[in-house]
Amino acid sequence: MLICLYPLFSSPCFEEMETVTLSVMASSASKPRIILPGVTLEGDGLFPDRVIFSSSDVSLYYDALTTKPQNISMFDSALFTATQRSSLMQQIQSILLDAGYEKDDLLVDGKIAIDSKKDPNELELFMGRDLSSISLSVKADVVLKERGKEWNVKGVLEVSGDSKGNLVVQSKEFIVNSSKYKVDLKYRLKSGG
């Protein structure tokens, strides 16, 4: 049996996976850390060790990412405001607004395991100037359900950053509903405004 390899962006669920992944990164990198509905982050580092999705409704992510947590100190409040101005946070908020998800439009179940190959430089990442301290191996096993469609997504992604603000995402084999895809993407965060 011949199995074709395609870039992941030709997969029908690429944009949805991108939105979910960036939302988790933004919530994890926020100061204080923001909890997305139906998402559990395990681990205390900048990037969680594990992310567990339990009927997580992506339509609720925008409000979660923009709502200041209650009962936080003045210092944490200042950090939250600064986080809201970061490139990653502004970009994911824009993506979520543009997608226009309504209740139950996109639900996520499953888990992602993240293995940091080196310690990230939080200050440089927060400022968005240098992503070279990002070196991650991300193992995904998730189910996306969108308006009657379902995608079972499994695979390992290697994510690395460079000093120019680029993220490179690669995988030799990523499986979506039994079809194999090759992933080789370069992604650049927009500068914050």
N, C-alpha and C. Protein backbone atom coordinates (compact mmCIF):
# COMPACT_ATOMS: atom_id res chain seq x y z
N MET A 1 0.83 -1.18 0.00
CA MET A 1 0.00 0.00 0.00
C MET A 1 0.88 1.25 0.00
N LEU A 2 0.65 2.14 -0.91
CA LEU A 2 1.42 3.38 -1.02
C LEU A 2 0.75 4.47 -0.19
N ILE A 3 1.52 5.07 0.69
CA ILE A 3 1.00 6.16 1.52
C ILE A 3 1.68 7.45 1.09
N CYS A 4 0.89 8.44 0.72
CA CYS A 4 1.43 9.72 0.28
C CYS A 4 1.72 10.61 1.47
N LEU A 5 2.73 11.44 1.36
CA LEU A 5 3.06 12.43 2.38
C LEU A 5 2.73 13.81 1.83
N TYR A 6 2.04 14.60 2.60
CA TYR A 6 1.66 15.95 2.22
C TYR A 6 2.12 16.92 3.30
N PRO A 7 2.33 18.17 2.96
CA PRO A 7 2.56 19.15 4.03
C PRO A 7 1.32 19.22 4.92
N LEU A 8 1.50 19.46 6.21
CA LEU A 8 0.37 19.49 7.13
C LEU A 8 -0.62 20.58 6.74
N PHE A 9 -0.15 21.68 6.13
CA PHE A 9 -1.09 22.74 5.80
C PHE A 9 -2.12 22.29 4.78
N SER A 10 -1.92 21.14 4.10
CA SER A 10 -2.95 20.64 3.20
C SER A 10 -3.94 19.76 3.95
N SER A 11 -3.67 19.50 5.22
CA SER A 11 -4.60 18.76 6.06
C SER A 11 -5.81 19.64 6.35
N PRO A 12 -6.99 19.04 6.42
CA PRO A 12 -8.19 19.85 6.67
C PRO A 12 -8.24 20.47 8.07
N CYS A 13 -7.39 20.03 8.99
CA CYS A 13 -7.48 20.55 10.36
C CYS A 13 -6.26 21.37 10.76
N PHE A 14 -5.44 21.81 9.80
CA PHE A 14 -4.23 22.55 10.16
C PHE A 14 -4.54 23.83 10.92
N GLU A 15 -5.47 24.63 10.41
CA GLU A 15 -5.77 25.91 11.07
C GLU A 15 -6.31 25.68 12.48
N GLU A 16 -7.12 24.66 12.66
CA GLU A 16 -7.66 24.36 13.98
C GLU A 16 -6.55 23.95 14.94
N MET A 17 -5.63 23.09 14.49
CA MET A 17 -4.50 22.68 15.34
C MET A 17 -3.62 23.88 15.69
N GLU A 18 -3.39 24.75 14.71
CA GLU A 18 -2.59 25.95 14.94
C GLU A 18 -3.25 26.83 16.00
N THR A 19 -4.56 27.03 15.89
CA THR A 19 -5.29 27.87 16.84
C THR A 19 -5.22 27.30 18.25
N VAL A 20 -5.43 25.99 18.38
CA VAL A 20 -5.39 25.35 19.70
C VAL A 20 -3.99 25.44 20.28
N THR A 21 -2.97 25.13 19.48
CA THR A 21 -1.59 25.13 19.96
C THR A 21 -1.15 26.53 20.40
N LEU A 22 -1.41 27.54 19.58
CA LEU A 22 -1.04 28.91 19.94
C LEU A 22 -1.81 29.40 21.17
N SER A 23 -3.07 28.99 21.31
CA SER A 23 -3.85 29.37 22.49
C SER A 23 -3.23 28.80 23.75
N VAL A 24 -2.80 27.53 23.69
CA VAL A 24 -2.16 26.91 24.85
C VAL A 24 -0.84 27.60 25.17
N MET A 25 -0.05 27.91 24.12
CA MET A 25 1.22 28.62 24.35
C MET A 25 0.98 29.98 25.00
N ALA A 26 -0.02 30.71 24.51
CA ALA A 26 -0.32 32.03 25.06
C ALA A 26 -0.79 31.94 26.50
N SER A 27 -1.65 30.97 26.80
CA SER A 27 -2.15 30.84 28.18
C SER A 27 -1.05 30.43 29.13
N SER A 28 -0.16 29.56 28.67
CA SER A 28 0.94 29.08 29.50
C SER A 28 1.98 30.18 29.75
N ALA A 29 2.24 31.00 28.73
CA ALA A 29 3.26 32.04 28.85
C ALA A 29 2.74 33.29 29.56
N SER A 30 1.42 33.38 29.75
CA SER A 30 0.85 34.54 30.41
C SER A 30 1.30 34.62 31.87
N LYS A 31 1.45 35.82 32.35
CA LYS A 31 1.77 36.07 33.77
C LYS A 31 0.63 36.86 34.37
N PRO A 32 -0.12 36.32 35.35
CA PRO A 32 -0.09 34.93 35.78
C PRO A 32 -0.66 34.01 34.70
N ARG A 33 -0.36 32.72 34.82
CA ARG A 33 -0.81 31.72 33.85
C ARG A 33 -2.33 31.73 33.77
N ILE A 34 -2.85 31.71 32.55
CA ILE A 34 -4.30 31.72 32.32
C ILE A 34 -4.76 30.28 32.09
N ILE A 35 -5.88 29.93 32.69
CA ILE A 35 -6.44 28.60 32.51
C ILE A 35 -7.52 28.66 31.43
N LEU A 36 -7.36 27.88 30.36
CA LEU A 36 -8.37 27.79 29.32
C LEU A 36 -9.43 26.78 29.73
N PRO A 37 -10.70 27.02 29.39
CA PRO A 37 -11.77 26.08 29.76
C PRO A 37 -11.53 24.69 29.16
N GLY A 38 -11.60 23.66 30.01
CA GLY A 38 -11.42 22.29 29.55
C GLY A 38 -9.98 21.91 29.29
N VAL A 39 -9.03 22.74 29.74
CA VAL A 39 -7.61 22.47 29.51
C VAL A 39 -6.88 22.42 30.86
N THR A 40 -6.13 21.36 31.07
CA THR A 40 -5.31 21.21 32.27
C THR A 40 -3.85 21.23 31.86
N LEU A 41 -3.06 22.11 32.49
CA LEU A 41 -1.63 22.19 32.23
C LEU A 41 -0.90 21.54 33.40
N GLU A 42 -0.02 20.60 33.10
CA GLU A 42 0.78 19.95 34.14
C GLU A 42 2.23 20.37 33.99
N GLY A 43 2.84 20.78 35.10
CA GLY A 43 4.23 21.24 35.08
C GLY A 43 4.28 22.72 35.35
N ASP A 44 5.36 23.15 36.00
CA ASP A 44 5.48 24.54 36.43
C ASP A 44 6.31 25.42 35.51
N GLY A 45 6.96 24.86 34.52
CA GLY A 45 7.82 25.64 33.65
C GLY A 45 7.04 26.53 32.71
N LEU A 46 7.76 27.30 31.92
CA LEU A 46 7.12 28.18 30.94
C LEU A 46 6.24 27.37 29.99
N PHE A 47 6.77 26.23 29.53
CA PHE A 47 5.99 25.31 28.72
C PHE A 47 5.59 24.13 29.59
N PRO A 48 4.31 23.77 29.61
CA PRO A 48 3.88 22.67 30.47
C PRO A 48 4.46 21.33 29.99
N ASP A 49 4.56 20.37 30.92
CA ASP A 49 5.01 19.03 30.55
C ASP A 49 3.93 18.29 29.79
N ARG A 50 2.69 18.51 30.22
CA ARG A 50 1.54 17.85 29.59
C ARG A 50 0.37 18.81 29.52
N VAL A 51 -0.41 18.68 28.45
CA VAL A 51 -1.64 19.44 28.29
C VAL A 51 -2.75 18.42 28.06
N ILE A 52 -3.79 18.49 28.88
CA ILE A 52 -4.90 17.55 28.76
C ILE A 52 -6.15 18.35 28.39
N PHE A 53 -6.80 17.92 27.31
CA PHE A 53 -8.03 18.56 26.83
C PHE A 53 -9.21 17.65 27.18
N SER A 54 -10.25 18.23 27.77
CA SER A 54 -11.45 17.48 28.11
C SER A 54 -12.66 18.25 27.62
N SER A 55 -13.15 17.87 26.44
CA SER A 55 -14.26 18.58 25.79
C SER A 55 -14.05 20.09 25.85
N SER A 56 -12.84 20.51 25.52
CA SER A 56 -12.46 21.92 25.57
C SER A 56 -13.08 22.66 24.39
N ASP A 57 -13.87 23.68 24.69
CA ASP A 57 -14.60 24.45 23.68
C ASP A 57 -13.77 25.68 23.30
N VAL A 58 -13.25 25.68 22.07
CA VAL A 58 -12.36 26.75 21.61
C VAL A 58 -13.08 28.10 21.54
N SER A 59 -14.40 28.09 21.44
CA SER A 59 -15.13 29.37 21.41
C SER A 59 -14.99 30.16 22.71
N LEU A 60 -14.57 29.48 23.79
CA LEU A 60 -14.41 30.14 25.09
C LEU A 60 -13.00 30.67 25.32
N TYR A 61 -12.07 30.37 24.41
CA TYR A 61 -10.67 30.74 24.60
C TYR A 61 -10.44 32.25 24.59
N TYR A 62 -11.09 32.97 23.69
CA TYR A 62 -10.85 34.42 23.59
C TYR A 62 -11.16 35.11 24.92
N ASP A 63 -12.35 34.83 25.47
CA ASP A 63 -12.71 35.45 26.75
C ASP A 63 -11.73 35.07 27.85
N ALA A 64 -11.31 33.81 27.86
CA ALA A 64 -10.36 33.36 28.89
C ALA A 64 -9.03 34.10 28.76
N LEU A 65 -8.56 34.30 27.54
CA LEU A 65 -7.27 34.95 27.32
C LEU A 65 -7.29 36.46 27.57
N THR A 66 -8.46 37.07 27.53
CA THR A 66 -8.54 38.52 27.69
C THR A 66 -9.09 38.96 29.04
N THR A 67 -9.52 38.01 29.87
CA THR A 67 -10.10 38.36 31.17
C THR A 67 -9.04 38.27 32.26
N LYS A 68 -8.84 39.39 32.95
CA LYS A 68 -7.85 39.43 34.04
C LYS A 68 -8.32 38.53 35.18
N PRO A 69 -7.45 37.63 35.65
CA PRO A 69 -7.83 36.77 36.79
C PRO A 69 -8.20 37.64 38.00
N GLN A 70 -9.16 37.14 38.78
CA GLN A 70 -9.60 37.88 39.96
C GLN A 70 -8.63 37.68 41.13
N ASN A 71 -8.66 38.63 42.05
CA ASN A 71 -7.90 38.55 43.30
C ASN A 71 -6.39 38.35 43.08
N ILE A 72 -5.82 39.11 42.14
CA ILE A 72 -4.38 39.03 41.94
C ILE A 72 -3.73 40.30 42.48
N SER A 73 -2.46 40.21 42.79
CA SER A 73 -1.74 41.35 43.34
C SER A 73 -1.56 42.44 42.28
N MET A 74 -1.16 43.63 42.73
CA MET A 74 -0.90 44.73 41.79
C MET A 74 0.24 44.36 40.84
N PHE A 75 1.24 43.66 41.36
CA PHE A 75 2.37 43.24 40.53
C PHE A 75 1.90 42.27 39.44
N ASP A 76 1.09 41.25 39.82
CA ASP A 76 0.56 40.31 38.85
C ASP A 76 -0.37 41.01 37.85
N SER A 77 -1.09 42.02 38.33
CA SER A 77 -1.97 42.78 37.44
C SER A 77 -1.15 43.52 36.38
N ALA A 78 -0.01 44.09 36.79
CA ALA A 78 0.88 44.77 35.83
C ALA A 78 1.48 43.77 34.85
N LEU A 79 1.86 42.58 35.34
CA LEU A 79 2.39 41.55 34.45
C LEU A 79 1.33 41.08 33.46
N PHE A 80 0.09 40.93 33.92
CA PHE A 80 -1.00 40.52 33.04
C PHE A 80 -1.18 41.55 31.91
N THR A 81 -1.17 42.83 32.27
CA THR A 81 -1.33 43.89 31.28
C THR A 81 -0.19 43.85 30.25
N ALA A 82 1.03 43.64 30.73
CA ALA A 82 2.17 43.55 29.82
C ALA A 82 2.05 42.32 28.92
N THR A 83 1.61 41.20 29.48
CA THR A 83 1.43 39.98 28.70
C THR A 83 0.41 40.19 27.59
N GLN A 84 -0.64 40.95 27.89
CA GLN A 84 -1.69 41.20 26.90
C GLN A 84 -1.14 41.95 25.68
N ARG A 85 -0.04 42.67 25.85
CA ARG A 85 0.57 43.44 24.75
C ARG A 85 1.60 42.64 23.96
N SER A 86 1.89 41.40 24.40
CA SER A 86 2.92 40.61 23.72
C SER A 86 2.46 40.19 22.32
N SER A 87 3.41 39.92 21.45
CA SER A 87 3.12 39.52 20.07
C SER A 87 2.26 38.27 20.02
N LEU A 88 2.66 37.25 20.79
CA LEU A 88 1.92 35.99 20.78
C LEU A 88 0.48 36.19 21.22
N MET A 89 0.28 36.92 22.32
CA MET A 89 -1.08 37.10 22.84
C MET A 89 -1.94 37.87 21.86
N GLN A 90 -1.41 38.95 21.29
CA GLN A 90 -2.19 39.73 20.34
C GLN A 90 -2.52 38.92 19.09
N GLN A 91 -1.56 38.11 18.65
CA GLN A 91 -1.79 37.34 17.44
C GLN A 91 -2.85 36.27 17.65
N ILE A 92 -2.78 35.54 18.77
CA ILE A 92 -3.78 34.48 18.99
C ILE A 92 -5.16 35.08 19.24
N GLN A 93 -5.23 36.21 19.93
CA GLN A 93 -6.53 36.85 20.12
C GLN A 93 -7.14 37.24 18.78
N SER A 94 -6.32 37.76 17.87
CA SER A 94 -6.80 38.12 16.54
C SER A 94 -7.28 36.89 15.76
N ILE A 95 -6.52 35.79 15.85
CA ILE A 95 -6.89 34.54 15.17
C ILE A 95 -8.24 34.04 15.69
N LEU A 96 -8.41 34.07 17.02
CA LEU A 96 -9.66 33.59 17.61
C LEU A 96 -10.84 34.46 17.19
N LEU A 97 -10.66 35.78 17.17
CA LEU A 97 -11.74 36.67 16.72
C LEU A 97 -12.09 36.43 15.26
N ASP A 98 -11.06 36.30 14.41
CA ASP A 98 -11.29 36.08 12.98
C ASP A 98 -12.00 34.76 12.71
N ALA A 99 -11.69 33.73 13.51
CA ALA A 99 -12.31 32.41 13.32
C ALA A 99 -13.80 32.46 13.64
N GLY A 100 -14.19 33.31 14.59
CA GLY A 100 -15.60 33.48 14.92
C GLY A 100 -16.28 32.23 15.46
N TYR A 101 -15.56 31.43 16.21
CA TYR A 101 -16.16 30.21 16.75
C TYR A 101 -17.31 30.54 17.68
N GLU A 102 -18.40 29.76 17.54
CA GLU A 102 -19.52 29.84 18.46
C GLU A 102 -19.53 28.58 19.31
N LYS A 103 -20.35 28.56 20.35
CA LYS A 103 -20.39 27.45 21.30
C LYS A 103 -20.48 26.10 20.57
N ASP A 104 -19.59 25.20 20.95
CA ASP A 104 -19.53 23.83 20.43
C ASP A 104 -19.10 23.73 18.96
N ASP A 105 -18.65 24.83 18.33
CA ASP A 105 -18.16 24.75 16.95
C ASP A 105 -16.90 23.90 16.85
N LEU A 106 -15.99 24.03 17.82
CA LEU A 106 -14.73 23.27 17.81
C LEU A 106 -14.43 22.79 19.22
N LEU A 107 -14.46 21.46 19.39
CA LEU A 107 -14.19 20.84 20.69
C LEU A 107 -12.92 20.01 20.57
N VAL A 108 -12.12 19.99 21.65
CA VAL A 108 -10.84 19.28 21.65
C VAL A 108 -10.80 18.31 22.84
N ASP A 109 -10.39 17.07 22.56
CA ASP A 109 -10.14 16.07 23.59
C ASP A 109 -8.78 15.45 23.33
N GLY A 110 -8.14 14.96 24.38
CA GLY A 110 -6.87 14.27 24.21
C GLY A 110 -5.76 14.89 25.02
N LYS A 111 -4.52 14.65 24.58
CA LYS A 111 -3.38 15.16 25.35
C LYS A 111 -2.21 15.48 24.44
N ILE A 112 -1.38 16.36 24.95
CA ILE A 112 -0.12 16.74 24.30
C ILE A 112 0.96 16.65 25.37
N ALA A 113 2.05 15.96 25.06
CA ALA A 113 3.21 15.90 25.96
C ALA A 113 4.31 16.77 25.36
N ILE A 114 4.91 17.61 26.18
CA ILE A 114 5.94 18.54 25.70
C ILE A 114 7.25 18.27 26.43
N ASP A 115 8.30 18.05 25.66
CA ASP A 115 9.62 17.81 26.23
C ASP A 115 10.53 18.96 25.79
N SER A 116 10.89 19.83 26.75
CA SER A 116 11.80 20.94 26.45
C SER A 116 13.22 20.41 26.42
N LYS A 117 13.91 20.61 25.30
CA LYS A 117 15.28 20.11 25.17
C LYS A 117 16.29 21.06 25.80
N LYS A 118 15.87 22.31 26.06
CA LYS A 118 16.71 23.26 26.80
C LYS A 118 15.80 24.24 27.50
N ASP A 119 16.35 24.91 28.50
CA ASP A 119 15.56 25.86 29.28
C ASP A 119 15.27 27.11 28.45
N PRO A 120 13.99 27.48 28.34
CA PRO A 120 13.67 28.69 27.58
C PRO A 120 14.06 29.95 28.34
N ASN A 121 14.48 30.96 27.61
CA ASN A 121 14.81 32.26 28.19
C ASN A 121 13.51 33.07 28.24
N GLU A 122 12.88 33.09 29.43
CA GLU A 122 11.55 33.70 29.55
C GLU A 122 11.53 35.17 29.18
N LEU A 123 12.55 35.93 29.55
CA LEU A 123 12.57 37.37 29.26
C LEU A 123 12.61 37.61 27.75
N GLU A 124 13.50 36.91 27.05
CA GLU A 124 13.59 37.08 25.59
C GLU A 124 12.30 36.64 24.89
N LEU A 125 11.71 35.55 25.36
CA LEU A 125 10.46 35.08 24.77
C LEU A 125 9.32 36.06 25.04
N PHE A 126 9.30 36.60 26.25
CA PHE A 126 8.26 37.55 26.62
C PHE A 126 8.36 38.82 25.76
N MET A 127 9.59 39.26 25.50
CA MET A 127 9.80 40.46 24.69
C MET A 127 9.62 40.16 23.20
N GLY A 128 9.67 38.89 22.81
CA GLY A 128 9.45 38.50 21.41
C GLY A 128 10.61 38.77 20.50
N ARG A 129 11.80 39.03 21.06
CA ARG A 129 12.95 39.37 20.22
C ARG A 129 13.74 38.15 19.77
N ASP A 130 13.82 37.15 20.62
CA ASP A 130 14.71 36.03 20.35
C ASP A 130 14.02 34.74 20.77
N LEU A 131 13.74 33.87 19.81
CA LEU A 131 13.08 32.60 20.10
C LEU A 131 14.06 31.43 20.07
N SER A 132 15.36 31.72 20.07
CA SER A 132 16.36 30.66 19.93
C SER A 132 16.42 29.72 21.13
N SER A 133 15.82 30.10 22.26
CA SER A 133 15.82 29.20 23.41
C SER A 133 14.68 28.19 23.35
N ILE A 134 13.87 28.24 22.29
CA ILE A 134 12.80 27.25 22.13
C ILE A 134 13.35 26.04 21.38
N SER A 135 13.28 24.90 22.03
CA SER A 135 13.63 23.62 21.41
C SER A 135 12.77 22.57 22.09
N LEU A 136 11.68 22.18 21.42
CA LEU A 136 10.68 21.32 22.01
C LEU A 136 10.39 20.10 21.14
N SER A 137 10.06 19.02 21.79
CA SER A 137 9.50 17.86 21.12
C SER A 137 8.07 17.74 21.64
N VAL A 138 7.10 17.78 20.74
CA VAL A 138 5.69 17.81 21.12
C VAL A 138 5.00 16.56 20.57
N LYS A 139 4.52 15.72 21.48
CA LYS A 139 3.81 14.50 21.09
C LYS A 139 2.32 14.73 21.27
N ALA A 140 1.58 14.68 20.18
CA ALA A 140 0.15 14.98 20.21
C ALA A 140 -0.67 13.72 19.97
N ASP A 141 -1.76 13.62 20.71
CA ASP A 141 -2.76 12.57 20.52
C ASP A 141 -4.10 13.21 20.88
N VAL A 142 -4.70 13.90 19.91
CA VAL A 142 -5.92 14.66 20.17
C VAL A 142 -7.00 14.36 19.14
N VAL A 143 -8.23 14.66 19.54
CA VAL A 143 -9.38 14.55 18.65
C VAL A 143 -10.01 15.93 18.56
N LEU A 144 -10.16 16.42 17.33
CA LEU A 144 -10.83 17.70 17.09
C LEU A 144 -12.20 17.42 16.47
N LYS A 145 -13.22 18.03 17.03
CA LYS A 145 -14.57 17.88 16.48
C LYS A 145 -15.07 19.26 16.10
N GLU A 146 -15.35 19.44 14.80
CA GLU A 146 -15.80 20.75 14.32
C GLU A 146 -17.02 20.58 13.43
N ARG A 147 -18.15 21.05 13.93
CA ARG A 147 -19.39 21.08 13.16
C ARG A 147 -19.65 19.77 12.40
N GLY A 148 -19.65 18.67 13.12
CA GLY A 148 -19.95 17.37 12.52
C GLY A 148 -18.76 16.64 11.91
N LYS A 149 -17.61 17.28 11.81
CA LYS A 149 -16.39 16.63 11.31
C LYS A 149 -15.54 16.23 12.50
N GLU A 150 -14.77 15.15 12.33
CA GLU A 150 -13.89 14.71 13.41
C GLU A 150 -12.52 14.35 12.84
N TRP A 151 -11.47 14.85 13.50
CA TRP A 151 -10.10 14.55 13.10
C TRP A 151 -9.34 13.94 14.28
N ASN A 152 -8.79 12.75 14.08
CA ASN A 152 -7.92 12.12 15.05
C ASN A 152 -6.49 12.45 14.65
N VAL A 153 -5.79 13.19 15.51
CA VAL A 153 -4.46 13.70 15.18
C VAL A 153 -3.43 13.07 16.11
N LYS A 154 -2.41 12.43 15.51
CA LYS A 154 -1.33 11.82 16.29
C LYS A 154 -0.01 12.10 15.61
N GLY A 155 1.02 12.28 16.43
CA GLY A 155 2.35 12.46 15.86
C GLY A 155 3.26 13.23 16.79
N VAL A 156 4.51 13.35 16.38
CA VAL A 156 5.51 14.08 17.13
C VAL A 156 6.02 15.23 16.28
N LEU A 157 5.96 16.43 16.84
CA LEU A 157 6.46 17.62 16.16
C LEU A 157 7.72 18.10 16.86
N GLU A 158 8.71 18.48 16.09
CA GLU A 158 9.93 19.11 16.62
C GLU A 158 9.79 20.61 16.36
N VAL A 159 9.86 21.40 17.43
CA VAL A 159 9.66 22.84 17.34
C VAL A 159 10.93 23.53 17.80
N SER A 160 11.48 24.40 16.96
CA SER A 160 12.68 25.15 17.35
C SER A 160 12.54 26.60 16.90
N GLY A 161 13.17 27.49 17.64
CA GLY A 161 13.13 28.90 17.31
C GLY A 161 14.50 29.42 16.94
N ASP A 162 14.53 30.63 16.37
CA ASP A 162 15.82 31.24 16.05
C ASP A 162 15.85 32.68 16.58
N SER A 163 16.97 33.33 16.42
CA SER A 163 17.16 34.68 16.98
C SER A 163 16.40 35.76 16.21
N LYS A 164 15.82 35.42 15.05
CA LYS A 164 15.09 36.40 14.24
C LYS A 164 13.58 36.35 14.46
N GLY A 165 13.13 35.57 15.47
CA GLY A 165 11.70 35.50 15.77
C GLY A 165 10.95 34.47 14.96
N ASN A 166 11.67 33.50 14.36
CA ASN A 166 11.02 32.45 13.58
C ASN A 166 10.88 31.18 14.40
N LEU A 167 9.78 30.47 14.18
CA LEU A 167 9.60 29.14 14.72
C LEU A 167 9.59 28.17 13.55
N VAL A 168 10.32 27.07 13.70
CA VAL A 168 10.33 26.03 12.68
C VAL A 168 9.67 24.80 13.29
N VAL A 169 8.67 24.26 12.60
CA VAL A 169 7.94 23.09 13.07
C VAL A 169 8.12 22.00 12.02
N GLN A 170 8.63 20.83 12.46
CA GLN A 170 8.88 19.74 11.52
C GLN A 170 8.44 18.41 12.11
N SER A 171 8.02 17.52 11.22
CA SER A 171 7.72 16.15 11.60
C SER A 171 7.81 15.29 10.35
N LYS A 172 8.45 14.14 10.51
CA LYS A 172 8.54 13.22 9.37
C LYS A 172 7.22 12.50 9.15
N GLU A 173 6.45 12.36 10.20
CA GLU A 173 5.19 11.64 10.08
C GLU A 173 4.18 12.14 11.08
N PHE A 174 3.13 12.73 10.59
CA PHE A 174 2.04 13.22 11.41
C PHE A 174 0.78 12.60 10.82
N ILE A 175 -0.05 11.99 11.64
CA ILE A 175 -1.19 11.23 11.13
C ILE A 175 -2.49 11.93 11.50
N VAL A 176 -3.31 12.17 10.49
CA VAL A 176 -4.64 12.75 10.67
C VAL A 176 -5.63 11.79 10.02
N ASN A 177 -6.49 11.18 10.85
CA ASN A 177 -7.48 10.20 10.36
C ASN A 177 -6.85 9.16 9.44
N SER A 178 -5.76 8.56 9.88
CA SER A 178 -5.05 7.48 9.18
C SER A 178 -4.26 7.92 7.95
N SER A 179 -4.29 9.20 7.60
CA SER A 179 -3.50 9.72 6.49
C SER A 179 -2.24 10.35 7.04
N LYS A 180 -1.11 10.08 6.40
CA LYS A 180 0.17 10.60 6.87
C LYS A 180 0.50 11.92 6.17
N TYR A 181 1.02 12.85 6.96
CA TYR A 181 1.40 14.16 6.45
C TYR A 181 2.82 14.47 6.88
N LYS A 182 3.56 15.12 6.04
CA LYS A 182 4.88 15.62 6.40
C LYS A 182 4.73 17.07 6.81
N VAL A 183 5.39 17.44 7.89
CA VAL A 183 5.30 18.80 8.39
C VAL A 183 6.66 19.48 8.24
N ASP A 184 6.68 20.62 7.60
CA ASP A 184 7.90 21.41 7.47
C ASP A 184 7.47 22.87 7.29
N LEU A 185 7.30 23.56 8.41
CA LEU A 185 6.77 24.91 8.39
C LEU A 185 7.71 25.89 9.06
N LYS A 186 7.74 27.09 8.54
CA LYS A 186 8.44 28.19 9.20
C LYS A 186 7.37 29.22 9.53
N TYR A 187 7.35 29.64 10.77
CA TYR A 187 6.28 30.50 11.25
C TYR A 187 6.91 31.70 11.95
N ARG A 188 6.48 32.90 11.62
CA ARG A 188 7.04 34.10 12.25
C ARG A 188 5.93 34.87 12.96
N LEU A 189 6.15 35.14 14.25
CA LEU A 189 5.20 35.94 14.99
C LEU A 189 5.24 37.39 14.51
N LYS A 190 4.09 38.00 14.40
CA LYS A 190 4.02 39.41 14.04
C LYS A 190 4.50 40.23 15.23
N SER A 191 5.07 41.37 14.95
CA SER A 191 5.50 42.22 16.07
C SER A 191 4.29 42.84 16.74
N GLY A 192 4.38 42.98 18.06
CA GLY A 192 3.27 43.55 18.84
C GLY A 192 3.12 45.03 18.58
N GLY A 193 1.88 45.49 18.77
CA GLY A 193 1.64 46.91 18.49
C GLY A 193 1.32 47.71 19.70
